[in-house]
Amino acid sequence: MTMPSERAMRVLLAILSVAAILATLAPAQAEKRIFIIANNADDYGVDRCLANGSACGTAAATTYCQTHAFNKAVSFRKIDRDDITGAVPTAGGSGCKGAGCDEFVAIECTR
């Protein structure tokens, strides 16, 4: 006959075993971050690569991610000023108007 404390230990061991198995089965989530950068013309053509989604943009976006301690770029795209919430003034009111305004690029990085 088993003692009550032995039974409790067996139940606890079974619960911990099931929890450990479930923890290993859960898919690992990669850390992602979206960087929004000004798409300034710098005479290197990087701005055109990123904003137009050209093949050269993949290398530029990946390099940007790596300089910020991420492994690679998942995506990159040109975004409108209105898509940025609160950080950059929009065209309404005292915001930027005309051709002299910066355009922006979103780069999604992952670890």
PDB file of N, CA and C in Angstrom:
ATOM      1  N   MET A   1       0.840  -1.173   0.000  1.00  0.00           N
ATOM      2  CA  MET A   1       0.000   0.000   0.000  1.00  0.00           C
ATOM      3  C   MET A   1       0.893   1.247   0.000  1.00  0.00           C
ATOM      4  N   THR A   2       0.498   2.231  -0.831  1.00  0.00           N
ATOM      5  CA  THR A   2       1.314   3.443  -0.934  1.00  0.00           C
ATOM      6  C   THR A   2       0.853   4.479   0.072  1.00  0.00           C
ATOM      7  N   MET A   3       1.788   5.242   0.518  1.00  0.00           N
ATOM      8  CA  MET A   3       1.511   6.311   1.469  1.00  0.00           C
ATOM      9  C   MET A   3       0.924   7.505   0.719  1.00  0.00           C
ATOM     10  N   PRO A   4       0.120   8.356   1.393  1.00  0.00           N
ATOM     11  CA  PRO A   4      -0.454   9.528   0.719  1.00  0.00           C
ATOM     12  C   PRO A   4       0.617  10.461   0.141  1.00  0.00           C
ATOM     13  N   SER A   5       1.746  10.579   0.794  1.00  0.00           N
ATOM     14  CA  SER A   5       2.788  11.468   0.282  1.00  0.00           C
ATOM     15  C   SER A   5       3.418  10.891  -0.988  1.00  0.00           C
ATOM     16  N   GLU A   6       3.514   9.565  -1.080  1.00  0.00           N
ATOM     17  CA  GLU A   6       4.040   8.947  -2.298  1.00  0.00           C
ATOM     18  C   GLU A   6       3.091   9.180  -3.469  1.00  0.00           C
ATOM     19  N   ARG A   7       1.811   9.069  -3.208  1.00  0.00           N
ATOM     20  CA  ARG A   7       0.824   9.301  -4.264  1.00  0.00           C
ATOM     21  C   ARG A   7       0.885  10.756  -4.739  1.00  0.00           C
ATOM     22  N   ALA A   8       1.007  11.685  -3.816  1.00  0.00           N
ATOM     23  CA  ALA A   8       1.098  13.101  -4.175  1.00  0.00           C
ATOM     24  C   ALA A   8       2.343  13.355  -5.015  1.00  0.00           C
ATOM     25  N   MET A   9       3.447  12.723  -4.693  1.00  0.00           N
ATOM     26  CA  MET A   9       4.684  12.886  -5.461  1.00  0.00           C
ATOM     27  C   MET A   9       4.513  12.340  -6.876  1.00  0.00           C
ATOM     28  N   ARG A  10       3.824  11.205  -7.008  1.00  0.00           N
ATOM     29  CA  ARG A  10       3.590  10.631  -8.332  1.00  0.00           C
ATOM     30  C   ARG A  10       2.705  11.549  -9.180  1.00  0.00           C
ATOM     31  N   VAL A  11       1.671  12.103  -8.584  1.00  0.00           N
ATOM     32  CA  VAL A  11       0.786  13.024  -9.301  1.00  0.00           C
ATOM     33  C   VAL A  11       1.561  14.270  -9.712  1.00  0.00           C
ATOM     34  N   LEU A  12       2.367  14.796  -8.801  1.00  0.00           N
ATOM     35  CA  LEU A  12       3.165  15.977  -9.110  1.00  0.00           C
ATOM     36  C   LEU A  12       4.153  15.687 -10.233  1.00  0.00           C
ATOM     37  N   LEU A  13       4.786  14.524 -10.194  1.00  0.00           N
ATOM     38  CA  LEU A  13       5.719  14.132 -11.249  1.00  0.00           C
ATOM     39  C   LEU A  13       5.002  14.010 -12.596  1.00  0.00           C
ATOM     40  N   ALA A  14       3.811  13.449 -12.604  1.00  0.00           N
ATOM     41  CA  ALA A  14       3.040  13.303 -13.836  1.00  0.00           C
ATOM     42  C   ALA A  14       2.650  14.673 -14.392  1.00  0.00           C
ATOM     43  N   ILE A  15       2.229  15.576 -13.537  1.00  0.00           N
ATOM     44  CA  ILE A  15       1.846  16.922 -13.976  1.00  0.00           C
ATOM     45  C   ILE A  15       3.051  17.653 -14.554  1.00  0.00           C
ATOM     46  N   LEU A  16       4.181  17.575 -13.882  1.00  0.00           N
ATOM     47  CA  LEU A  16       5.392  18.230 -14.381  1.00  0.00           C
ATOM     48  C   LEU A  16       5.848  17.626 -15.707  1.00  0.00           C
ATOM     49  N   SER A  17       5.715  16.329 -15.865  1.00  0.00           N
ATOM     50  CA  SER A  17       6.098  15.681 -17.122  1.00  0.00           C
ATOM     51  C   SER A  17       5.221  16.150 -18.274  1.00  0.00           C
ATOM     52  N   VAL A  18       3.932  16.225 -18.053  1.00  0.00           N
ATOM     53  CA  VAL A  18       3.007  16.689 -19.087  1.00  0.00           C
ATOM     54  C   VAL A  18       3.294  18.155 -19.431  1.00  0.00           C
ATOM     55  N   ALA A  19       3.554  18.971 -18.422  1.00  0.00           N
ATOM     56  CA  ALA A  19       3.862  20.384 -18.664  1.00  0.00           C
ATOM     57  C   ALA A  19       5.150  20.527 -19.474  1.00  0.00           C
ATOM     58  N   ALA A  20       6.153  19.721 -19.187  1.00  0.00           N
ATOM     59  CA  ALA A  20       7.411  19.783 -19.930  1.00  0.00           C
ATOM     60  C   ALA A  20       7.214  19.368 -21.380  1.00  0.00           C
ATOM     61  N   ILE A  21       6.415  18.360 -21.616  1.00  0.00           N
ATOM     62  CA  ILE A  21       6.140  17.901 -22.981  1.00  0.00           C
ATOM     63  C   ILE A  21       5.382  18.980 -23.754  1.00  0.00           C
ATOM     64  N   LEU A  22       4.394  19.586 -23.132  1.00  0.00           N
ATOM     65  CA  LEU A  22       3.632  20.646 -23.803  1.00  0.00           C
ATOM     66  C   LEU A  22       4.503  21.861 -24.102  1.00  0.00           C
ATOM     67  N   ALA A  23       5.419  22.171 -23.221  1.00  0.00           N
ATOM     68  CA  ALA A  23       6.300  23.321 -23.441  1.00  0.00           C
ATOM     69  C   ALA A  23       7.221  23.097 -24.632  1.00  0.00           C
ATOM     70  N   THR A  24       7.660  21.878 -24.839  1.00  0.00           N
ATOM     71  CA  THR A  24       8.549  21.592 -25.973  1.00  0.00           C
ATOM     72  C   THR A  24       7.786  21.519 -27.292  1.00  0.00           C
ATOM     73  N   LEU A  25       6.492  21.249 -27.244  1.00  0.00           N
ATOM     74  CA  LEU A  25       5.694  21.159 -28.460  1.00  0.00           C
ATOM     75  C   LEU A  25       5.228  22.519 -28.956  1.00  0.00           C
ATOM     76  N   ALA A  26       5.208  23.517 -28.092  1.00  0.00           N
ATOM     77  CA  ALA A  26       4.762  24.848 -28.494  1.00  0.00           C
ATOM     78  C   ALA A  26       5.753  25.432 -29.485  1.00  0.00           C
ATOM     79  N   PRO A  27       5.256  25.987 -30.598  1.00  0.00           N
ATOM     80  CA  PRO A  27       6.171  26.553 -31.597  1.00  0.00           C
ATOM     81  C   PRO A  27       6.876  27.793 -31.058  1.00  0.00           C
ATOM     82  N   ALA A  28       8.112  27.927 -31.398  1.00  0.00           N
ATOM     83  CA  ALA A  28       8.887  29.090 -30.977  1.00  0.00           C
ATOM     84  C   ALA A  28       8.503  30.292 -31.838  1.00  0.00           C
ATOM     85  N   GLN A  29       8.268  31.408 -31.218  1.00  0.00           N
ATOM     86  CA  GLN A  29       7.909  32.625 -31.925  1.00  0.00           C
ATOM     87  C   GLN A  29       9.153  33.484 -32.111  1.00  0.00           C
ATOM     88  N   ALA A  30       9.448  33.821 -33.343  1.00  0.00           N
ATOM     89  CA  ALA A  30      10.594  34.677 -33.626  1.00  0.00           C
ATOM     90  C   ALA A  30      10.246  36.115 -33.262  1.00  0.00           C
ATOM     91  N   GLU A  31      11.211  36.808 -32.712  1.00  0.00           N
ATOM     92  CA  GLU A  31      11.005  38.210 -32.370  1.00  0.00           C
ATOM     93  C   GLU A  31      11.058  39.039 -33.642  1.00  0.00           C
ATOM     94  N   LYS A  32      10.055  39.889 -33.830  1.00  0.00           N
ATOM     95  CA  LYS A  32       9.992  40.746 -35.016  1.00  0.00           C
ATOM     96  C   LYS A  32       9.890  42.201 -34.575  1.00  0.00           C
ATOM     97  N   ARG A  33      10.429  43.076 -35.413  1.00  0.00           N
ATOM     98  CA  ARG A  33      10.324  44.510 -35.154  1.00  0.00           C
ATOM     99  C   ARG A  33      10.270  45.233 -36.497  1.00  0.00           C
ATOM    100  N   ILE A  34       9.449  46.269 -36.559  1.00  0.00           N
ATOM    101  CA  ILE A  34       9.339  47.072 -37.767  1.00  0.00           C
ATOM    102  C   ILE A  34      10.020  48.410 -37.511  1.00  0.00           C
ATOM    103  N   PHE A  35      11.000  48.716 -38.347  1.00  0.00           N
ATOM    104  CA  PHE A  35      11.699  49.992 -38.287  1.00  0.00           C
ATOM    105  C   PHE A  35      11.138  50.886 -39.385  1.00  0.00           C
ATOM    106  N   ILE A  36      10.858  52.130 -39.054  1.00  0.00           N
ATOM    107  CA  ILE A  36      10.408  53.102 -40.050  1.00  0.00           C
ATOM    108  C   ILE A  36      11.524  54.120 -40.201  1.00  0.00           C
ATOM    109  N   ILE A  37      12.040  54.202 -41.414  1.00  0.00           N
ATOM    110  CA  ILE A  37      13.172  55.091 -41.662  1.00  0.00           C
ATOM    111  C   ILE A  37      12.842  56.042 -42.796  1.00  0.00           C
ATOM    112  N   ALA A  38      13.487  57.205 -42.765  1.00  0.00           N
ATOM    113  CA  ALA A  38      13.311  58.179 -43.840  1.00  0.00           C
ATOM    114  C   ALA A  38      13.971  57.644 -45.098  1.00  0.00           C
ATOM    115  N   ASN A  39      13.286  57.815 -46.213  1.00  0.00           N
ATOM    116  CA  ASN A  39      13.783  57.349 -47.503  1.00  0.00           C
ATOM    117  C   ASN A  39      14.496  58.507 -48.201  1.00  0.00           C
ATOM    118  N   ASN A  40      15.617  58.923 -47.620  1.00  0.00           N
ATOM    119  CA  ASN A  40      16.367  60.060 -48.162  1.00  0.00           C
ATOM    120  C   ASN A  40      17.245  59.609 -49.318  1.00  0.00           C
ATOM    121  N   ALA A  41      17.316  60.441 -50.333  1.00  0.00           N
ATOM    122  CA  ALA A  41      18.225  60.162 -51.441  1.00  0.00           C
ATOM    123  C   ALA A  41      19.655  60.394 -50.963  1.00  0.00           C
ATOM    124  N   ASP A  42      20.502  59.386 -51.088  1.00  0.00           N
ATOM    125  CA  ASP A  42      21.873  59.498 -50.587  1.00  0.00           C
ATOM    126  C   ASP A  42      22.918  59.260 -51.666  1.00  0.00           C
ATOM    127  N   ASP A  43      22.506  59.277 -52.916  1.00  0.00           N
ATOM    128  CA  ASP A  43      23.379  59.068 -54.071  1.00  0.00           C
ATOM    129  C   ASP A  43      23.933  57.649 -54.173  1.00  0.00           C
ATOM    130  N   TYR A  44      23.510  56.755 -53.300  1.00  0.00           N
ATOM    131  CA  TYR A  44      23.935  55.357 -53.399  1.00  0.00           C
ATOM    132  C   TYR A  44      22.841  54.482 -54.024  1.00  0.00           C
ATOM    133  N   GLY A  45      21.649  55.000 -54.132  1.00  0.00           N
ATOM    134  CA  GLY A  45      20.557  54.243 -54.723  1.00  0.00           C
ATOM    135  C   GLY A  45      19.829  53.349 -53.751  1.00  0.00           C
ATOM    136  N   VAL A  46      20.234  53.350 -52.480  1.00  0.00           N
ATOM    137  CA  VAL A  46      19.576  52.497 -51.491  1.00  0.00           C
ATOM    138  C   VAL A  46      18.119  52.900 -51.342  1.00  0.00           C
ATOM    139  N   ASP A  47      17.844  54.192 -51.404  1.00  0.00           N
ATOM    140  CA  ASP A  47      16.472  54.658 -51.264  1.00  0.00           C
ATOM    141  C   ASP A  47      15.585  54.096 -52.372  1.00  0.00           C
ATOM    142  N   ARG A  48      16.073  54.048 -53.576  1.00  0.00           N
ATOM    143  CA  ARG A  48      15.288  53.503 -54.687  1.00  0.00           C
ATOM    144  C   ARG A  48      15.094  51.990 -54.514  1.00  0.00           C
ATOM    145  N   CYS A  49      16.129  51.315 -54.050  1.00  0.00           N
ATOM    146  CA  CYS A  49      16.020  49.862 -53.844  1.00  0.00           C
ATOM    147  C   CYS A  49      14.933  49.523 -52.826  1.00  0.00           C
ATOM    148  N   LEU A  50      14.912  50.240 -51.716  1.00  0.00           N
ATOM    149  CA  LEU A  50      13.942  49.948 -50.665  1.00  0.00           C
ATOM    150  C   LEU A  50      12.534  50.372 -51.042  1.00  0.00           C
ATOM    151  N   ALA A  51      12.392  51.570 -51.560  1.00  0.00           N
ATOM    152  CA  ALA A  51      11.060  52.100 -51.846  1.00  0.00           C
ATOM    153  C   ALA A  51      10.381  51.383 -52.999  1.00  0.00           C
ATOM    154  N   ASN A  52      11.152  50.921 -53.966  1.00  0.00           N
ATOM    155  CA  ASN A  52      10.568  50.267 -55.136  1.00  0.00           C
ATOM    156  C   ASN A  52      10.463  48.760 -55.002  1.00  0.00           C
ATOM    157  N   GLY A  53      10.991  48.198 -53.928  1.00  0.00           N
ATOM    158  CA  GLY A  53      10.935  46.756 -53.745  1.00  0.00           C
ATOM    159  C   GLY A  53      11.857  46.012 -54.691  1.00  0.00           C
ATOM    160  N   SER A  54      12.893  46.678 -55.173  1.00  0.00           N
ATOM    161  CA  SER A  54      13.845  46.057 -56.100  1.00  0.00           C
ATOM    162  C   SER A  54      14.632  44.961 -55.399  1.00  0.00           C
ATOM    163  N   ALA A  55      15.273  44.100 -56.198  1.00  0.00           N
ATOM    164  CA  ALA A  55      16.058  42.997 -55.641  1.00  0.00           C
ATOM    165  C   ALA A  55      17.197  43.511 -54.763  1.00  0.00           C
ATOM    166  N   CYS A  56      17.763  44.659 -55.114  1.00  0.00           N
ATOM    167  CA  CYS A  56      18.854  45.212 -54.307  1.00  0.00           C
ATOM    168  C   CYS A  56      18.350  45.657 -52.931  1.00  0.00           C
ATOM    169  N   GLY A  57      17.050  45.873 -52.782  1.00  0.00           N
ATOM    170  CA  GLY A  57      16.480  46.273 -51.504  1.00  0.00           C
ATOM    171  C   GLY A  57      16.577  45.199 -50.446  1.00  0.00           C
ATOM    172  N   THR A  58      16.549  43.926 -50.866  1.00  0.00           N
ATOM    173  CA  THR A  58      16.676  42.822 -49.912  1.00  0.00           C
ATOM    174  C   THR A  58      18.011  42.897 -49.181  1.00  0.00           C
ATOM    175  N   ALA A  59      19.075  43.117 -49.926  1.00  0.00           N
ATOM    176  CA  ALA A  59      20.401  43.220 -49.302  1.00  0.00           C
ATOM    177  C   ALA A  59      20.481  44.444 -48.407  1.00  0.00           C
ATOM    178  N   ALA A  60      19.930  45.571 -48.855  1.00  0.00           N
ATOM    179  CA  ALA A  60      19.967  46.795 -48.057  1.00  0.00           C
ATOM    180  C   ALA A  60      19.151  46.634 -46.772  1.00  0.00           C
ATOM    181  N   ALA A  61      17.969  46.044 -46.882  1.00  0.00           N
ATOM    182  CA  ALA A  61      17.118  45.857 -45.708  1.00  0.00           C
ATOM    183  C   ALA A  61      17.743  44.868 -44.725  1.00  0.00           C
ATOM    184  N   THR A  62      18.317  43.786 -45.231  1.00  0.00           N
ATOM    185  CA  THR A  62      18.978  42.803 -44.359  1.00  0.00           C
ATOM    186  C   THR A  62      20.159  43.426 -43.639  1.00  0.00           C
ATOM    187  N   THR A  63      20.940  44.231 -44.344  1.00  0.00           N
ATOM    188  CA  THR A  63      22.069  44.908 -43.717  1.00  0.00           C
ATOM    189  C   THR A  63      21.584  45.859 -42.631  1.00  0.00           C
ATOM    190  N   TYR A  64      20.506  46.570 -42.893  1.00  0.00           N
ATOM    191  CA  TYR A  64      19.940  47.467 -41.881  1.00  0.00           C
ATOM    192  C   TYR A  64      19.531  46.668 -40.645  1.00  0.00           C
ATOM    193  N   CYS A  65      18.867  45.534 -40.845  1.00  0.00           N
ATOM    194  CA  CYS A  65      18.442  44.702 -39.723  1.00  0.00           C
ATOM    195  C   CYS A  65      19.648  44.202 -38.930  1.00  0.00           C
ATOM    196  N   GLN A  66      20.678  43.762 -39.622  1.00  0.00           N
ATOM    197  CA  GLN A  66      21.862  43.242 -38.945  1.00  0.00           C
ATOM    198  C   GLN A  66      22.573  44.315 -38.132  1.00  0.00           C
ATOM    199  N   THR A  67      22.535  45.572 -38.582  1.00  0.00           N
ATOM    200  CA  THR A  67      23.161  46.639 -37.804  1.00  0.00           C
ATOM    201  C   THR A  67      22.360  46.965 -36.545  1.00  0.00           C
ATOM    202  N   HIS A  68      21.130  46.451 -36.464  1.00  0.00           N
ATOM    203  CA  HIS A  68      20.300  46.639 -35.281  1.00  0.00           C
ATOM    204  C   HIS A  68      20.097  45.322 -34.522  1.00  0.00           C
ATOM    205  N   ALA A  69      21.056  44.396 -34.656  1.00  0.00           N
ATOM    206  CA  ALA A  69      21.090  43.127 -33.908  1.00  0.00           C
ATOM    207  C   ALA A  69      19.952  42.167 -34.261  1.00  0.00           C
ATOM    208  N   PHE A  70      19.469  42.220 -35.493  1.00  0.00           N
ATOM    209  CA  PHE A  70      18.496  41.255 -35.986  1.00  0.00           C
ATOM    210  C   PHE A  70      19.167  40.430 -37.079  1.00  0.00           C
ATOM    211  N   ASN A  71      18.600  39.266 -37.392  1.00  0.00           N
ATOM    212  CA  ASN A  71      19.224  38.363 -38.357  1.00  0.00           C
ATOM    213  C   ASN A  71      18.967  38.752 -39.804  1.00  0.00           C
ATOM    214  N   LYS A  72      17.703  39.034 -40.125  1.00  0.00           N
ATOM    215  CA  LYS A  72      17.387  39.294 -41.531  1.00  0.00           C
ATOM    216  C   LYS A  72      16.126  40.134 -41.648  1.00  0.00           C
ATOM    217  N   ALA A  73      15.914  40.646 -42.850  1.00  0.00           N
ATOM    218  CA  ALA A  73      14.705  41.406 -43.158  1.00  0.00           C
ATOM    219  C   ALA A  73      13.648  40.449 -43.686  1.00  0.00           C
ATOM    220  N   VAL A  74      12.469  40.519 -43.107  1.00  0.00           N
ATOM    221  CA  VAL A  74      11.347  39.702 -43.567  1.00  0.00           C
ATOM    222  C   VAL A  74      10.648  40.403 -44.725  1.00  0.00           C
ATOM    223  N   SER A  75      10.511  41.729 -44.610  1.00  0.00           N
ATOM    224  CA  SER A  75       9.868  42.503 -45.667  1.00  0.00           C
ATOM    225  C   SER A  75      10.331  43.955 -45.580  1.00  0.00           C
ATOM    226  N   PHE A  76      10.115  44.683 -46.664  1.00  0.00           N
ATOM    227  CA  PHE A  76      10.371  46.118 -46.692  1.00  0.00           C
ATOM    228  C   PHE A  76       9.445  46.721 -47.732  1.00  0.00           C
ATOM    229  N   ARG A  77       8.998  47.945 -47.448  1.00  0.00           N
ATOM    230  CA  ARG A  77       8.047  48.586 -48.362  1.00  0.00           C
ATOM    231  C   ARG A  77       7.993  50.080 -48.081  1.00  0.00           C
ATOM    232  N   LYS A  78       7.580  50.816 -49.073  1.00  0.00           N
ATOM    233  CA  LYS A  78       7.356  52.249 -48.933  1.00  0.00           C
ATOM    234  C   LYS A  78       6.028  52.440 -48.214  1.00  0.00           C
ATOM    235  N   ILE A  79       5.979  53.393 -47.297  1.00  0.00           N
ATOM    236  CA  ILE A  79       4.737  53.653 -46.578  1.00  0.00           C
ATOM    237  C   ILE A  79       4.385  55.137 -46.692  1.00  0.00           C
ATOM    238  N   ASP A  80       3.113  55.428 -46.548  1.00  0.00           N
ATOM    239  CA  ASP A  80       2.627  56.807 -46.568  1.00  0.00           C
ATOM    240  C   ASP A  80       2.810  57.438 -45.194  1.00  0.00           C
ATOM    241  N   ARG A  81       2.934  58.758 -45.172  1.00  0.00           N
ATOM    242  CA  ARG A  81       3.049  59.479 -43.905  1.00  0.00           C
ATOM    243  C   ARG A  81       1.831  59.216 -43.029  1.00  0.00           C
ATOM    244  N   ASP A  82       0.670  59.061 -43.647  1.00  0.00           N
ATOM    245  CA  ASP A  82      -0.556  58.849 -42.886  1.00  0.00           C
ATOM    246  C   ASP A  82      -0.606  57.474 -42.213  1.00  0.00           C
ATOM    247  N   ASP A  83       0.246  56.551 -42.641  1.00  0.00           N
ATOM    248  CA  ASP A  83       0.293  55.222 -42.026  1.00  0.00           C
ATOM    249  C   ASP A  83       1.076  55.223 -40.715  1.00  0.00           C
ATOM    250  N   ILE A  84       1.799  56.288 -40.443  1.00  0.00           N
ATOM    251  CA  ILE A  84       2.614  56.379 -39.235  1.00  0.00           C
ATOM    252  C   ILE A  84       1.785  57.081 -38.176  1.00  0.00           C
ATOM    253  N   THR A  85       1.595  56.440 -37.048  1.00  0.00           N
ATOM    254  CA  THR A  85       0.738  56.978 -36.005  1.00  0.00           C
ATOM    255  C   THR A  85       1.521  57.826 -35.021  1.00  0.00           C
ATOM    256  N   GLY A  86       1.283  59.117 -35.015  1.00  0.00           N
ATOM    257  CA  GLY A  86       1.775  59.993 -33.977  1.00  0.00           C
ATOM    258  C   GLY A  86       3.236  60.405 -34.001  1.00  0.00           C
ATOM    259  N   ALA A  87       4.107  59.671 -34.637  1.00  0.00           N
ATOM    260  CA  ALA A  87       5.531  59.970 -34.571  1.00  0.00           C
ATOM    261  C   ALA A  87       5.964  61.022 -35.577  1.00  0.00           C
ATOM    262  N   VAL A  88       5.302  61.091 -36.710  1.00  0.00           N
ATOM    263  CA  VAL A  88       5.685  62.011 -37.779  1.00  0.00           C
ATOM    264  C   VAL A  88       4.463  62.840 -38.136  1.00  0.00           C
ATOM    265  N   PRO A  89       4.603  64.167 -38.213  1.00  0.00           N
ATOM    266  CA  PRO A  89       3.447  64.991 -38.592  1.00  0.00           C
ATOM    267  C   PRO A  89       2.918  64.598 -39.967  1.00  0.00           C
ATOM    268  N   THR A  90       1.611  64.528 -40.091  1.00  0.00           N
ATOM    269  CA  THR A  90       1.001  64.194 -41.374  1.00  0.00           C
ATOM    270  C   THR A  90       0.802  65.461 -42.189  1.00  0.00           C
ATOM    271  N   ALA A  91       0.301  65.319 -43.392  1.00  0.00           N
ATOM    272  CA  ALA A  91       0.138  66.447 -44.304  1.00  0.00           C
ATOM    273  C   ALA A  91      -0.864  67.477 -43.794  1.00  0.00           C
ATOM    274  N   GLY A  92      -1.747  67.088 -42.893  1.00  0.00           N
ATOM    275  CA  GLY A  92      -2.734  68.025 -42.372  1.00  0.00           C
ATOM    276  C   GLY A  92      -2.111  69.000 -41.381  1.00  0.00           C
ATOM    277  N   GLY A  93      -2.575  70.225 -41.355  1.00  0.00           N
ATOM    278  CA  GLY A  93      -2.085  71.218 -40.396  1.00  0.00           C
ATOM    279  C   GLY A  93      -0.686  71.684 -40.720  1.00  0.00           C
ATOM    280  N   SER A  94       0.219  71.589 -39.760  1.00  0.00           N
ATOM    281  CA  SER A  94       1.577  72.105 -39.937  1.00  0.00           C
ATOM    282  C   SER A  94       2.539  71.060 -40.490  1.00  0.00           C
ATOM    283  N   GLY A  95       2.030  69.986 -41.018  1.00  0.00           N
ATOM    284  CA  GLY A  95       2.887  68.922 -41.546  1.00  0.00           C
ATOM    285  C   GLY A  95       3.593  69.324 -42.821  1.00  0.00           C
ATOM    286  N   CYS A  96       4.385  68.440 -43.332  1.00  0.00           N
ATOM    287  CA  CYS A  96       5.185  68.673 -44.531  1.00  0.00           C
ATOM    288  C   CYS A  96       4.284  68.669 -45.761  1.00  0.00           C
ATOM    289  N   LYS A  97       4.592  69.564 -46.693  1.00  0.00           N
ATOM    290  CA  LYS A  97       3.816  69.640 -47.935  1.00  0.00           C
ATOM    291  C   LYS A  97       4.776  69.815 -49.101  1.00  0.00           C
ATOM    292  N   GLY A  98       4.477  69.195 -50.209  1.00  0.00           N
ATOM    293  CA  GLY A  98       5.261  69.406 -51.419  1.00  0.00           C
ATOM    294  C   GLY A  98       6.308  68.337 -51.652  1.00  0.00           C
ATOM    295  N   ALA A  99       7.130  68.568 -52.680  1.00  0.00           N
ATOM    296  CA  ALA A  99       8.117  67.583 -53.111  1.00  0.00           C
ATOM    297  C   ALA A  99       9.308  67.477 -52.164  1.00  0.00           C
ATOM    298  N   GLY A 100       9.511  68.448 -51.295  1.00  0.00           N
ATOM    299  CA  GLY A 100      10.659  68.417 -50.386  1.00  0.00           C
ATOM    300  C   GLY A 100      10.467  67.529 -49.177  1.00  0.00           C
ATOM    301  N   CYS A 101       9.331  66.901 -49.035  1.00  0.00           N
ATOM    302  CA  CYS A 101       9.044  66.066 -47.869  1.00  0.00           C
ATOM    303  C   CYS A 101       9.726  64.702 -47.990  1.00  0.00           C
ATOM    304  N   ASP A 102      10.163  64.190 -46.851  1.00  0.00           N
ATOM    305  CA  ASP A 102      10.749  62.850 -46.831  1.00  0.00           C
ATOM    306  C   ASP A 102       9.665  61.803 -47.069  1.00  0.00           C
ATOM    307  N   GLU A 103      10.048  60.749 -47.767  1.00  0.00           N
ATOM    308  CA  GLU A 103       9.200  59.572 -47.862  1.00  0.00           C
ATOM    309  C   GLU A 103       9.758  58.583 -46.840  1.00  0.00           C
ATOM    310  N   PHE A 104       8.967  57.579 -46.493  1.00  0.00           N
ATOM    311  CA  PHE A 104       9.389  56.642 -45.468  1.00  0.00           C
ATOM    312  C   PHE A 104       9.299  55.209 -45.966  1.00  0.00           C
ATOM    313  N   VAL A 105      10.167  54.379 -45.400  1.00  0.00           N
ATOM    314  CA  VAL A 105      10.225  52.957 -45.723  1.00  0.00           C
ATOM    315  C   VAL A 105      10.097  52.182 -44.417  1.00  0.00           C
ATOM    316  N   ALA A 106       9.285  51.127 -44.415  1.00  0.00           N
ATOM    317  CA  ALA A 106       9.161  50.231 -43.272  1.00  0.00           C
ATOM    318  C   ALA A 106       9.955  48.970 -43.563  1.00  0.00           C
ATOM    319  N   ILE A 107      10.841  48.602 -42.624  1.00  0.00           N
ATOM    320  CA  ILE A 107      11.633  47.379 -42.750  1.00  0.00           C
ATOM    321  C   ILE A 107      11.269  46.488 -41.570  1.00  0.00           C
ATOM    322  N   GLU A 108      10.772  45.284 -41.858  1.00  0.00           N
ATOM    323  CA  GLU A 108      10.418  44.323 -40.816  1.00  0.00           C
ATOM    324  C   GLU A 108      11.561  43.352 -40.638  1.00  0.00           C
ATOM    325  N   CYS A 109      12.131  43.337 -39.436  1.00  0.00           N
ATOM    326  CA  CYS A 109      13.289  42.486 -39.126  1.00  0.00           C
ATOM    327  C   CYS A 109      12.898  41.367 -38.177  1.00  0.00           C
ATOM    328  N   THR A 110      13.638  40.270 -38.215  1.00  0.00           N
ATOM    329  CA  THR A 110      13.393  39.152 -37.319  1.00  0.00           C
ATOM    330  C   THR A 110      14.704  38.619 -36.777  1.00  0.00           C
ATOM    331  N   ARG A 111      14.627  38.013 -35.598  1.00  0.00           N
ATOM    332  CA  ARG A 111      15.812  37.394 -34.970  1.00  0.00           C
ATOM    333  C   ARG A 111      15.785  35.908 -35.206  1.00  0.00           C
TER     334      ARG A 111
END
